Amino acid sequence: MPSKGDSTAAQGVDAIAKSILVLRGQNILLDRDLAALYGVTTKRLNEQVKRNLARFPIDFMFQLTAGEETALRSHFATSNKPAANRGGRRYLAYAFTEQGVAMLSSVLSTERAVAVNVEIMRAFVRMRGVLAANKELARRFAELEVRLDKRTAKQDKAIAAIMSAIRELMNPTIRPNRGIGFTAKFDE
């Protein structure tokens, strides 16, 4: 029987999984989402990363392009880029891959950061499982479609033959009436 702690952990993993995005063909978490999870500001998180930049190669972390930022903003229906006097982000967001998130645990060494990292790793593992299951499901669905197409083709031929036979029965060809046996016509 799961304990209360297991339920809370599962809810945490579900919440984190909702924050995982697919960008450039990779599962990523944005710096702002990670900062919220870790309980720090995005500015502080990025400062720690910049102090340890050698730990974050391009396959661990990358900065979004303006187009990607705009696409994400419109995807989540957030407001336009704020004016300089209204606050908000002034720099493009950073995206962290699974390896980048794992590296964050060495940069952010608070108890909360370690606990959150464990949950994030679980969320990434769950996402991989879901994607793998979906690929298997898609493969099996494609096989089913092929089988159904073959059956449908056979059934279509059978139905066409039945329809043709019914049409022949409905419209019999009229043949001249021939007498039975030998009949001879004699001229008179």
Protein backbone atom coordinates (compact mmCIF):
# COMPACT_ATOMS: atom_id res chain seq x y z
CA MET A 1 0.00 0.00 0.00
CA PRO A 2 1.54 3.35 -1.01
CA SER A 3 2.34 5.74 1.76
CA LYS A 4 1.34 9.39 1.85
CA GLY A 5 4.90 10.34 0.89
CA ASP A 6 4.69 8.18 -2.26
CA SER A 7 1.50 9.99 -3.28
CA THR A 8 3.12 13.38 -2.80
CA ALA A 9 6.17 12.27 -4.79
CA ALA A 10 3.93 11.03 -7.61
CA GLN A 11 2.10 14.36 -7.67
CA GLY A 12 5.47 16.13 -7.78
CA VAL A 13 6.59 13.98 -10.71
CA ASP A 14 3.32 14.67 -12.53
CA ALA A 15 3.69 18.42 -12.00
CA ILE A 16 7.28 18.32 -13.23
CA ALA A 17 6.32 16.19 -16.23
CA LYS A 18 3.87 18.91 -17.29
CA SER A 19 6.77 21.40 -17.35
CA ILE A 20 8.91 19.22 -19.62
CA LEU A 21 8.80 20.49 -23.18
CA VAL A 22 10.14 19.07 -26.42
CA LEU A 23 12.37 21.54 -28.19
CA ARG A 24 14.96 20.86 -30.89
CA GLY A 25 14.05 17.21 -30.63
CA GLN A 26 14.97 17.01 -26.93
CA ASN A 27 13.05 16.94 -23.67
CA ILE A 28 13.91 20.14 -21.84
CA LEU A 29 13.00 22.21 -18.80
CA LEU A 30 13.16 26.00 -18.96
CA ASP A 31 15.23 27.95 -16.48
CA ARG A 32 12.15 29.70 -15.05
CA ASP A 33 10.41 26.37 -14.34
CA LEU A 34 13.54 24.95 -12.73
CA ALA A 35 13.99 28.08 -10.61
CA ALA A 36 10.42 27.76 -9.36
CA LEU A 37 10.99 24.09 -8.50
CA TYR A 38 14.23 24.86 -6.68
CA GLY A 39 12.68 27.81 -4.85
CA VAL A 40 15.13 30.39 -6.22
CA THR A 41 14.78 33.24 -8.68
CA THR A 42 15.56 32.63 -12.34
CA LYS A 43 18.31 35.24 -12.06
CA ARG A 44 20.00 33.33 -9.19
CA LEU A 45 19.75 30.02 -11.02
CA ASN A 46 21.32 31.48 -14.16
CA GLU A 47 24.06 33.16 -12.10
CA GLN A 48 25.03 29.79 -10.62
CA VAL A 49 25.07 28.23 -14.07
CA LYS A 50 27.23 31.04 -15.50
CA ARG A 51 29.69 30.64 -12.63
CA ASN A 52 30.03 26.98 -13.62
CA LEU A 53 29.63 27.30 -17.39
CA ALA A 54 32.19 24.56 -18.11
CA ARG A 55 29.74 22.04 -16.61
CA PHE A 56 27.04 22.94 -19.14
CA PRO A 57 28.04 22.16 -22.73
CA ILE A 58 25.56 22.77 -25.54
CA ASP A 59 24.01 19.30 -25.20
CA PHE A 60 23.25 20.04 -21.51
CA MET A 61 21.93 23.59 -21.87
CA PHE A 62 21.20 26.05 -24.66
CA GLN A 63 19.66 29.49 -24.96
CA LEU A 64 16.40 29.79 -26.86
CA THR A 65 16.29 31.75 -30.08
CA ALA A 66 13.93 34.72 -30.39
CA GLY A 67 11.69 32.61 -32.64
CA GLU A 68 11.54 29.77 -30.11
CA GLU A 69 10.77 32.23 -27.31
CA THR A 70 7.96 33.78 -29.37
CA ALA A 71 6.57 30.35 -30.25
CA LEU A 72 6.56 29.33 -26.58
CA ARG A 73 4.95 32.60 -25.58
CA SER A 74 2.15 32.15 -28.12
CA HIS A 75 1.83 28.45 -27.23
CA PHE A 76 1.22 29.26 -23.59
CA ALA A 77 -0.81 32.39 -24.43
CA THR A 78 1.33 34.69 -22.35
CA SER A 79 1.58 38.38 -22.95
CA ASN A 80 4.02 40.02 -25.30
CA LYS A 81 7.54 40.83 -24.25
CA PRO A 82 7.26 43.39 -21.45
CA ALA A 83 8.50 46.93 -21.86
CA ALA A 84 11.76 47.77 -20.08
CA ASN A 85 9.98 49.83 -17.42
CA ARG A 86 7.48 47.09 -16.59
CA GLY A 87 9.90 44.42 -15.43
CA GLY A 88 9.96 40.89 -16.77
CA ARG A 89 12.63 39.02 -18.70
CA ARG A 90 15.19 40.95 -20.64
CA TYR A 91 17.13 37.92 -21.91
CA LEU A 92 16.17 34.83 -23.81
CA ALA A 93 15.42 31.81 -21.63
CA TYR A 94 17.78 28.89 -21.15
CA ALA A 95 16.68 25.32 -21.77
CA PHE A 96 18.19 22.43 -19.81
CA THR A 97 18.25 18.88 -21.13
CA GLU A 98 18.06 15.90 -18.79
CA GLN A 99 21.85 15.88 -18.46
CA GLY A 100 21.84 19.61 -17.75
CA VAL A 101 19.29 19.18 -14.99
CA ALA A 102 21.41 16.42 -13.49
CA MET A 103 24.42 18.75 -13.58
CA LEU A 104 22.40 21.42 -11.79
CA SER A 105 22.38 19.20 -8.71
CA SER A 106 26.14 19.68 -8.43
CA VAL A 107 25.83 23.45 -8.83
CA LEU A 108 22.84 23.90 -6.52
CA SER A 109 23.63 21.82 -3.47
CA THR A 110 20.80 22.70 -1.11
CA GLU A 111 18.67 19.91 0.32
CA ARG A 112 15.70 21.14 -1.67
CA ALA A 113 17.73 21.14 -4.90
CA VAL A 114 18.80 17.54 -4.33
CA ALA A 115 15.24 16.42 -3.54
CA VAL A 116 13.82 18.27 -6.54
CA ASN A 117 16.49 16.79 -8.82
CA VAL A 118 15.47 13.29 -7.78
CA GLU A 119 11.87 14.07 -8.73
CA ILE A 120 12.92 15.65 -12.02
CA MET A 121 14.95 12.57 -12.96
CA ARG A 122 11.90 10.42 -12.19
CA ALA A 123 9.78 12.66 -14.41
CA PHE A 124 12.25 12.31 -17.30
CA VAL A 125 12.26 8.53 -16.87
CA ARG A 126 8.45 8.49 -16.87
CA MET A 127 8.40 10.63 -20.01
CA ARG A 128 10.76 8.21 -21.78
CA GLY A 129 8.49 5.33 -20.75
CA VAL A 130 5.42 7.09 -22.09
CA LEU A 131 7.17 7.92 -25.36
CA ALA A 132 8.38 4.34 -25.74
CA ALA A 133 4.89 3.01 -25.05
CA ASN A 134 3.46 5.44 -27.60
CA LYS A 135 5.96 4.31 -30.24
CA GLU A 136 5.03 0.67 -29.60
CA LEU A 137 1.34 1.56 -29.71
CA ALA A 138 1.81 3.45 -32.98
CA ARG A 139 3.68 0.48 -34.50
CA ARG A 140 0.94 -1.94 -33.47
CA PHE A 141 -1.76 0.42 -34.76
CA ALA A 142 0.00 0.62 -38.14
CA GLU A 143 0.12 -3.20 -38.31
CA LEU A 144 -3.59 -3.34 -37.50
CA GLU A 145 -4.36 -0.83 -40.25
CA VAL A 146 -2.49 -2.95 -42.80
CA ARG A 147 -4.39 -6.07 -41.75
CA LEU A 148 -7.71 -4.23 -41.90
CA ASP A 149 -6.87 -2.81 -45.32
CA LYS A 150 -6.20 -6.34 -46.61
CA ARG A 151 -9.45 -7.66 -45.14
CA THR A 152 -11.37 -4.69 -46.47
CA ALA A 153 -9.96 -5.26 -49.96
CA LYS A 154 -11.06 -8.92 -49.86
CA GLN A 155 -14.47 -7.93 -48.54
CA ASP A 156 -14.83 -5.24 -51.20
CA LYS A 157 -14.20 -7.85 -53.91
CA ALA A 158 -16.71 -10.22 -52.34
CA ILE A 159 -19.32 -7.47 -52.02
CA ALA A 160 -18.74 -6.42 -55.65
CA ALA A 161 -19.29 -10.03 -56.78
CA ILE A 162 -22.50 -10.27 -54.73
CA MET A 163 -23.78 -6.97 -56.14
CA SER A 164 -23.04 -8.14 -59.67
CA ALA A 165 -24.94 -11.40 -59.08
CA ILE A 166 -27.92 -9.47 -57.66
CA ARG A 167 -27.95 -7.16 -60.68
CA GLU A 168 -28.00 -10.16 -63.00
CA LEU A 169 -30.92 -11.64 -61.07
CA MET A 170 -32.80 -8.34 -61.17
CA ASN A 171 -32.23 -7.82 -64.90
CA PRO A 172 -32.18 -11.25 -66.49
CA THR A 173 -31.20 -11.29 -70.11
CA ILE A 174 -34.13 -12.23 -72.29
CA ARG A 175 -33.38 -15.21 -74.47
CA PRO A 176 -35.58 -16.27 -77.33
CA ASN A 177 -38.00 -18.97 -76.31
CA ARG A 178 -36.96 -22.24 -77.80
CA GLY A 179 -39.27 -25.10 -77.97
CA ILE A 180 -38.63 -28.32 -76.23
CA GLY A 181 -37.86 -31.29 -78.38
CA PHE A 182 -38.13 -31.46 -82.15
CA THR A 183 -40.43 -29.08 -83.83
CA ALA A 184 -40.58 -28.84 -87.51
CA LYS A 185 -42.27 -26.29 -89.56
CA PHE A 186 -43.85 -27.46 -92.73
CA ASP A 187 -44.82 -25.27 -95.55
CA GLU A 188 -48.33 -25.63 -96.65
